[in-house]
Amino acid sequence: MSKLSNSADSLARDTKGYIDSQLDLVKLRSIKGMSRGTSAIVGLLLIFLMAGALMTVLLLALVLWLGEMMDSYALAALIVAGVLLVVVVLLFLLRNRLFRNSFVSMYTDVFFPEEAWPVGLNNMDSLDKAIERTESRIRKEKAGISSFFVNGFRWTTWIIPALRFLFKKLRK
């Protein structure tokens, strides 16, 4: 009976670990998806705002240039527009570093407020590694649950006698 008890304890432990790991995986994948989505929205919003400002300045520069034909006002407006263009290009090139990684940290705090294990989840690379570790842990726990039913849980030792007993009772 103690072997069955140990097997049942092992099954309960593996099942709890499996469920906890699945929950962690859902949280990690949610962090990844929400970080990407939020960074895309914020990044595009910032790029559109900067592009709008750039267009305003470029149009103002064009008006001034056409109005004054090579006066200093138009030249100043074009210099400002050039600076804004450089800022937009830099924001676009650095969008992942500036936005996505900060959202990974923010969502990690939301999904794992009291848990200590995801310390270091502050960028997409560490998040991808945490997802891989969790998936590996799930595979091991799933294998433990499966081995319980194959090896540790000798169902033939109690199911067949129980079925015989039930059939005898049903016949009477």
Protein backbone atom coordinates (compact mmCIF):
# COMPACT_ATOMS: atom_id res chain seq x y z
CA MET A 1 0.00 0.00 0.00
CA SER A 2 2.89 2.36 0.67
CA LYS A 3 4.08 1.97 -2.93
CA LEU A 4 0.65 3.08 -4.13
CA SER A 5 0.70 5.94 -1.62
CA ASN A 6 4.13 7.05 -2.82
CA SER A 7 2.97 6.84 -6.41
CA ALA A 8 -0.12 8.90 -5.62
CA ASP A 9 2.01 11.49 -3.81
CA SER A 10 4.35 11.59 -6.79
CA LEU A 11 1.39 12.01 -9.13
CA ALA A 12 -0.01 14.86 -7.03
CA ARG A 13 3.38 16.58 -6.89
CA ASP A 14 3.98 16.17 -10.64
CA THR A 15 0.45 17.32 -11.47
CA LYS A 16 0.78 20.41 -9.28
CA GLY A 17 4.16 21.18 -10.84
CA TYR A 18 2.73 20.67 -14.31
CA ILE A 19 -0.19 23.02 -13.66
CA ASP A 20 2.07 25.64 -12.06
CA SER A 21 4.47 25.43 -14.99
CA GLN A 22 1.62 25.76 -17.51
CA LEU A 23 0.40 28.85 -15.64
CA ASP A 24 3.91 30.30 -15.63
CA LEU A 25 4.18 29.63 -19.37
CA VAL A 26 0.89 31.43 -20.02
CA LYS A 27 2.11 34.38 -17.95
CA LEU A 28 5.47 34.51 -19.75
CA ARG A 29 3.89 34.30 -23.19
CA SER A 30 1.41 37.00 -22.17
CA ILE A 31 4.26 39.25 -21.06
CA LYS A 32 5.98 38.69 -24.39
CA GLY A 33 2.87 39.36 -26.46
CA MET A 34 1.76 42.36 -24.43
CA SER A 35 5.27 43.83 -24.48
CA ARG A 36 5.46 43.50 -28.24
CA GLY A 37 1.97 44.88 -28.75
CA THR A 38 2.36 47.78 -26.36
CA SER A 39 5.78 48.70 -27.68
CA ALA A 40 4.47 48.60 -31.25
CA ILE A 41 1.56 50.87 -30.33
CA VAL A 42 3.68 53.33 -28.34
CA GLY A 43 6.48 53.26 -30.90
CA LEU A 44 4.15 53.85 -33.83
CA LEU A 45 2.31 56.56 -31.93
CA LEU A 46 5.56 58.34 -31.16
CA ILE A 47 6.78 57.93 -34.74
CA PHE A 48 3.49 59.29 -36.10
CA LEU A 49 3.62 62.25 -33.72
CA MET A 50 7.19 63.00 -34.72
CA ALA A 51 6.33 62.51 -38.39
CA GLY A 52 3.41 64.93 -37.98
CA ALA A 53 5.70 67.50 -36.40
CA LEU A 54 8.21 66.88 -39.18
CA MET A 55 5.59 67.44 -41.84
CA THR A 56 4.42 70.63 -40.13
CA VAL A 57 7.92 72.01 -39.99
CA LEU A 58 8.67 70.93 -43.56
CA LEU A 59 5.51 72.58 -44.81
CA LEU A 60 6.27 75.71 -42.83
CA ALA A 61 9.78 75.69 -44.25
CA LEU A 62 8.44 75.28 -47.76
CA VAL A 63 6.03 78.18 -47.28
CA LEU A 64 8.75 80.38 -45.85
CA TRP A 65 11.16 79.35 -48.55
CA LEU A 66 8.71 80.03 -51.31
CA GLY A 67 7.72 83.32 -49.66
CA GLU A 68 11.16 84.66 -49.16
CA MET A 69 13.29 82.76 -51.70
CA MET A 70 16.41 81.82 -49.84
CA ASP A 71 16.00 83.98 -46.76
CA SER A 72 17.24 82.80 -43.38
CA TYR A 73 13.77 81.86 -42.07
CA ALA A 74 13.43 79.05 -44.57
CA LEU A 75 16.94 77.81 -43.92
CA ALA A 76 16.24 77.71 -40.18
CA ALA A 77 13.01 75.80 -40.72
CA LEU A 78 14.81 73.21 -42.89
CA ILE A 79 17.50 72.74 -40.25
CA VAL A 80 14.82 72.09 -37.62
CA ALA A 81 13.08 69.65 -39.97
CA GLY A 82 16.37 67.84 -40.56
CA VAL A 83 16.91 67.47 -36.83
CA LEU A 84 13.38 66.10 -36.41
CA LEU A 85 14.01 63.64 -39.24
CA VAL A 86 17.12 62.39 -37.48
CA VAL A 87 15.13 61.99 -34.24
CA VAL A 88 12.40 60.00 -36.02
CA VAL A 89 14.97 57.71 -37.64
CA LEU A 90 16.74 57.17 -34.30
CA LEU A 91 13.45 56.40 -32.56
CA PHE A 92 12.58 53.91 -35.25
CA LEU A 93 15.96 52.18 -35.07
CA LEU A 94 16.00 52.06 -31.26
CA ARG A 95 12.31 51.26 -30.71
CA ASN A 96 12.94 47.74 -29.38
CA ARG A 97 15.59 48.85 -26.94
CA LEU A 98 13.69 51.91 -25.78
CA PHE A 99 10.21 50.45 -25.49
CA ARG A 100 9.85 46.66 -25.69
CA ASN A 101 12.34 45.82 -22.96
CA SER A 102 10.84 48.33 -20.55
CA PHE A 103 7.41 46.76 -21.13
CA VAL A 104 8.85 43.30 -20.41
CA SER A 105 9.92 44.54 -16.97
CA MET A 106 6.60 46.27 -16.38
CA TYR A 107 4.50 43.22 -17.31
CA THR A 108 6.78 40.92 -15.31
CA ASP A 109 5.93 42.97 -12.21
CA VAL A 110 2.23 42.71 -13.08
CA PHE A 111 2.18 38.92 -13.63
CA PHE A 112 4.74 37.89 -11.01
CA PRO A 113 4.36 40.49 -8.23
CA GLU A 114 5.36 38.26 -5.31
CA GLU A 115 7.34 35.54 -7.00
CA ALA A 116 11.11 35.62 -6.95
CA TRP A 117 12.03 33.33 -9.83
CA PRO A 118 11.55 35.68 -12.78
CA VAL A 119 14.13 38.11 -11.43
CA GLY A 120 16.17 39.17 -14.41
CA LEU A 121 13.26 39.23 -16.84
CA ASN A 122 14.08 42.66 -18.17
CA ASN A 123 14.46 42.11 -21.90
CA MET A 124 13.19 39.89 -24.69
CA ASP A 125 16.23 37.59 -24.63
CA SER A 126 15.80 36.78 -20.93
CA LEU A 127 12.07 36.34 -21.51
CA ASP A 128 12.69 33.87 -24.35
CA LYS A 129 15.10 31.90 -22.12
CA ALA A 130 12.54 31.82 -19.29
CA ILE A 131 9.90 30.53 -21.72
CA GLU A 132 12.29 27.79 -22.90
CA ARG A 133 13.08 26.78 -19.29
CA THR A 134 9.38 26.66 -18.42
CA GLU A 135 8.54 24.59 -21.51
CA SER A 136 11.35 22.17 -20.58
CA ARG A 137 10.03 21.94 -17.01
CA ILE A 138 6.53 21.23 -18.38
CA ARG A 139 7.86 18.40 -20.55
CA LYS A 140 9.60 16.82 -17.53
CA GLU A 141 6.53 17.15 -15.30
CA LYS A 142 4.28 15.79 -18.03
CA ALA A 143 6.64 12.81 -18.40
CA GLY A 144 6.45 12.26 -14.63
CA ILE A 145 2.66 12.25 -14.75
CA SER A 146 2.67 9.85 -17.69
CA SER A 147 5.16 7.51 -16.03
CA PHE A 148 2.89 7.35 -12.99
CA PHE A 149 0.13 5.87 -15.06
CA VAL A 150 2.47 3.55 -16.91
CA ASN A 151 4.84 2.43 -14.13
CA GLY A 152 3.81 3.61 -10.69
CA PHE A 153 0.08 3.15 -10.89
CA ARG A 154 -0.45 -0.56 -11.40
CA TRP A 155 -4.09 -0.33 -12.26
CA THR A 156 -4.36 -4.00 -12.99
CA THR A 157 -3.67 -4.79 -9.35
CA TRP A 158 -6.88 -3.16 -8.17
CA ILE A 159 -9.06 -2.42 -11.23
CA ILE A 160 -9.53 -6.03 -12.34
CA PRO A 161 -10.48 -7.29 -8.85
CA ALA A 162 -12.77 -4.29 -8.40
CA LEU A 163 -14.48 -4.96 -11.73
CA ARG A 164 -14.90 -8.65 -10.84
CA PHE A 165 -16.45 -7.64 -7.54
CA LEU A 166 -18.84 -5.21 -9.26
CA PHE A 167 -19.88 -7.75 -11.88
CA LYS A 168 -20.55 -10.33 -9.16
CA LYS A 169 -22.72 -7.83 -7.28
CA LEU A 170 -24.59 -6.87 -10.43
CA ARG A 171 -25.33 -10.51 -11.30
CA LYS A 172 -26.93 -11.16 -7.93
